[in-house]
N, C-alpha and C. Protein backbone atom coordinates (compact mmCIF):
# COMPACT_ATOMS: atom_id res chain seq x y z
N MET A 1 68.34 107.64 93.02
CA MET A 1 69.64 108.26 92.83
C MET A 1 70.65 107.18 92.44
N SER A 2 71.47 107.44 91.44
CA SER A 2 72.45 106.46 90.99
C SER A 2 73.79 106.69 91.69
N TYR A 3 74.56 105.65 91.76
CA TYR A 3 75.89 105.70 92.37
C TYR A 3 76.83 106.50 91.48
N ASP A 4 77.65 107.33 92.06
CA ASP A 4 78.58 108.18 91.31
C ASP A 4 79.90 107.44 91.08
N TYR A 5 79.94 106.63 90.02
CA TYR A 5 81.15 105.86 89.69
C TYR A 5 82.30 106.76 89.30
N SER A 6 82.00 107.89 88.68
CA SER A 6 83.06 108.79 88.27
C SER A 6 83.81 109.34 89.48
N ARG A 7 83.10 109.72 90.50
CA ARG A 7 83.73 110.23 91.72
C ARG A 7 84.57 109.14 92.39
N LYS A 8 84.03 107.93 92.45
CA LYS A 8 84.76 106.81 93.05
C LYS A 8 86.03 106.51 92.26
N ALA A 9 85.93 106.51 90.92
CA ALA A 9 87.08 106.24 90.07
C ALA A 9 88.18 107.28 90.29
N LYS A 10 87.81 108.55 90.33
CA LYS A 10 88.81 109.60 90.54
C LYS A 10 89.50 109.45 91.88
N SER A 11 88.74 109.09 92.90
CA SER A 11 89.31 108.89 94.22
C SER A 11 90.30 107.73 94.22
N LEU A 12 89.92 106.63 93.61
CA LEU A 12 90.80 105.46 93.55
C LEU A 12 92.07 105.76 92.75
N ILE A 13 91.95 106.51 91.66
CA ILE A 13 93.11 106.88 90.85
C ILE A 13 94.07 107.74 91.67
N LYS A 14 93.53 108.74 92.35
CA LYS A 14 94.37 109.64 93.14
C LYS A 14 95.05 108.91 94.29
N GLN A 15 94.45 107.83 94.78
CA GLN A 15 95.04 107.03 95.85
C GLN A 15 96.05 106.01 95.32
N GLY A 16 96.22 105.95 94.00
CA GLY A 16 97.22 105.07 93.41
C GLY A 16 96.77 103.64 93.15
N HIS A 17 95.48 103.40 93.05
CA HIS A 17 94.96 102.04 92.88
C HIS A 17 94.70 101.63 91.43
N LEU A 18 94.88 102.54 90.48
CA LEU A 18 94.65 102.20 89.08
C LEU A 18 95.75 101.26 88.57
N LEU A 19 95.34 100.11 88.04
CA LEU A 19 96.29 99.15 87.48
C LEU A 19 96.46 99.31 85.99
N LYS A 20 95.33 99.45 85.28
CA LYS A 20 95.36 99.62 83.82
C LYS A 20 94.02 100.15 83.37
N PHE A 21 93.96 100.51 82.09
CA PHE A 21 92.71 101.00 81.52
C PHE A 21 92.68 100.61 80.05
N GLU A 22 91.48 100.57 79.50
CA GLU A 22 91.32 100.29 78.08
C GLU A 22 89.96 100.81 77.63
N THR A 23 89.83 101.02 76.34
CA THR A 23 88.53 101.34 75.78
C THR A 23 87.96 100.06 75.17
N VAL A 24 86.68 99.87 75.37
CA VAL A 24 85.99 98.69 74.85
C VAL A 24 84.71 99.16 74.16
N SER A 25 84.26 98.38 73.19
CA SER A 25 83.05 98.78 72.47
C SER A 25 81.81 98.69 73.35
N LYS A 26 81.82 97.74 74.31
CA LYS A 26 80.68 97.61 75.22
C LYS A 26 81.11 96.93 76.50
N TYR A 27 80.65 97.44 77.62
CA TYR A 27 80.84 96.81 78.92
C TYR A 27 79.52 96.95 79.67
N LYS A 28 78.85 95.83 79.87
CA LYS A 28 77.51 95.82 80.47
C LYS A 28 76.62 96.76 79.67
N ASN A 29 76.12 97.83 80.27
CA ASN A 29 75.23 98.73 79.54
C ASN A 29 75.91 100.02 79.08
N VAL A 30 77.23 100.07 79.10
CA VAL A 30 77.97 101.27 78.69
C VAL A 30 78.61 101.00 77.32
N THR A 31 78.24 101.83 76.34
CA THR A 31 78.70 101.65 74.96
C THR A 31 79.07 103.00 74.36
N PRO A 32 80.29 103.22 73.95
CA PRO A 32 81.53 102.55 74.30
C PRO A 32 81.91 102.89 75.74
N ALA A 33 82.95 102.25 76.24
CA ALA A 33 83.34 102.45 77.64
C ALA A 33 84.84 102.59 77.79
N LEU A 34 85.22 103.47 78.70
CA LEU A 34 86.60 103.52 79.19
C LEU A 34 86.58 102.65 80.44
N LEU A 35 87.26 101.54 80.39
CA LEU A 35 87.23 100.58 81.48
C LEU A 35 88.49 100.74 82.33
N LEU A 36 88.28 101.02 83.60
CA LEU A 36 89.37 101.24 84.54
C LEU A 36 89.47 100.06 85.48
N TYR A 37 90.67 99.53 85.64
CA TYR A 37 90.92 98.38 86.52
C TYR A 37 91.72 98.83 87.73
N PHE A 38 91.28 98.38 88.90
CA PHE A 38 91.91 98.78 90.16
C PHE A 38 92.37 97.56 90.95
N ASP A 39 93.32 97.78 91.85
CA ASP A 39 93.80 96.67 92.68
C ASP A 39 92.90 96.38 93.87
N ASN A 40 91.92 97.24 94.14
CA ASN A 40 91.07 97.06 95.31
C ASN A 40 89.58 97.29 95.04
N HIS A 41 89.19 97.24 93.77
CA HIS A 41 87.80 97.52 93.40
C HIS A 41 87.49 96.81 92.10
N THR A 42 86.24 96.51 91.89
CA THR A 42 85.83 95.93 90.61
C THR A 42 86.04 96.96 89.50
N PRO A 43 86.16 96.53 88.24
CA PRO A 43 86.34 97.49 87.15
C PRO A 43 85.21 98.52 87.11
N ILE A 44 85.57 99.71 86.72
CA ILE A 44 84.58 100.79 86.57
C ILE A 44 84.56 101.20 85.11
N ALA A 45 83.38 101.20 84.52
CA ALA A 45 83.19 101.60 83.12
C ALA A 45 82.65 103.02 83.08
N LEU A 46 83.28 103.86 82.29
CA LEU A 46 82.86 105.25 82.17
C LEU A 46 82.33 105.52 80.77
N GLU A 47 81.23 106.25 80.71
CA GLU A 47 80.65 106.64 79.43
C GLU A 47 81.58 107.58 78.68
N LYS A 48 81.45 107.61 77.39
CA LYS A 48 82.33 108.44 76.55
C LYS A 48 82.26 109.92 76.94
N SER A 49 81.14 110.38 77.41
CA SER A 49 81.00 111.78 77.81
C SER A 49 81.91 112.14 78.99
N LYS A 50 82.41 111.16 79.72
CA LYS A 50 83.28 111.39 80.88
C LYS A 50 84.77 111.25 80.55
N TRP A 51 85.10 110.72 79.37
CA TRP A 51 86.49 110.41 79.05
C TRP A 51 87.42 111.61 79.18
N ASN A 52 87.00 112.77 78.72
CA ASN A 52 87.87 113.95 78.77
C ASN A 52 88.29 114.30 80.19
N GLU A 53 87.42 113.99 81.16
CA GLU A 53 87.74 114.28 82.56
C GLU A 53 88.94 113.46 83.03
N TYR A 54 89.21 112.35 82.38
CA TYR A 54 90.26 111.43 82.82
C TYR A 54 91.54 111.54 82.00
N SER A 55 91.52 112.22 80.89
CA SER A 55 92.70 112.26 80.03
C SER A 55 93.90 112.88 80.74
N ASP A 56 93.69 113.98 81.43
CA ASP A 56 94.81 114.63 82.15
C ASP A 56 95.31 113.76 83.29
N ILE A 57 94.41 113.14 84.03
CA ILE A 57 94.80 112.30 85.16
C ILE A 57 95.63 111.12 84.68
N ILE A 58 95.15 110.45 83.64
CA ILE A 58 95.84 109.26 83.14
C ILE A 58 97.17 109.64 82.48
N THR A 59 97.20 110.73 81.74
CA THR A 59 98.45 111.19 81.12
C THR A 59 99.49 111.48 82.19
N HIS A 60 99.10 112.14 83.25
CA HIS A 60 100.01 112.45 84.35
C HIS A 60 100.55 111.16 84.99
N LEU A 61 99.67 110.19 85.20
CA LEU A 61 100.10 108.93 85.80
C LEU A 61 101.08 108.18 84.88
N LEU A 62 100.82 108.19 83.59
CA LEU A 62 101.70 107.49 82.66
C LEU A 62 103.09 108.12 82.62
N LYS A 63 103.16 109.43 82.74
CA LYS A 63 104.46 110.11 82.73
C LYS A 63 105.26 109.79 83.99
N ASN A 64 104.58 109.51 85.08
CA ASN A 64 105.25 109.24 86.35
C ASN A 64 105.41 107.75 86.62
N TYR A 65 105.01 106.91 85.69
CA TYR A 65 105.08 105.47 85.89
C TYR A 65 106.45 104.92 85.61
């Protein structure tokens, strides 16, 4: 069973730990990747198939920043 990075990322975002994000052509074995940086966790790379799940969350955070 693999670790659910998407669930962990959503939890950290909702707790206010997201510092920044960027898209990169490759991060470790994820190509392309949405790379999320947190103040209390190592970066989490998300596969392109997961990006849509984060667009609303990130848009909301940017409006309130």
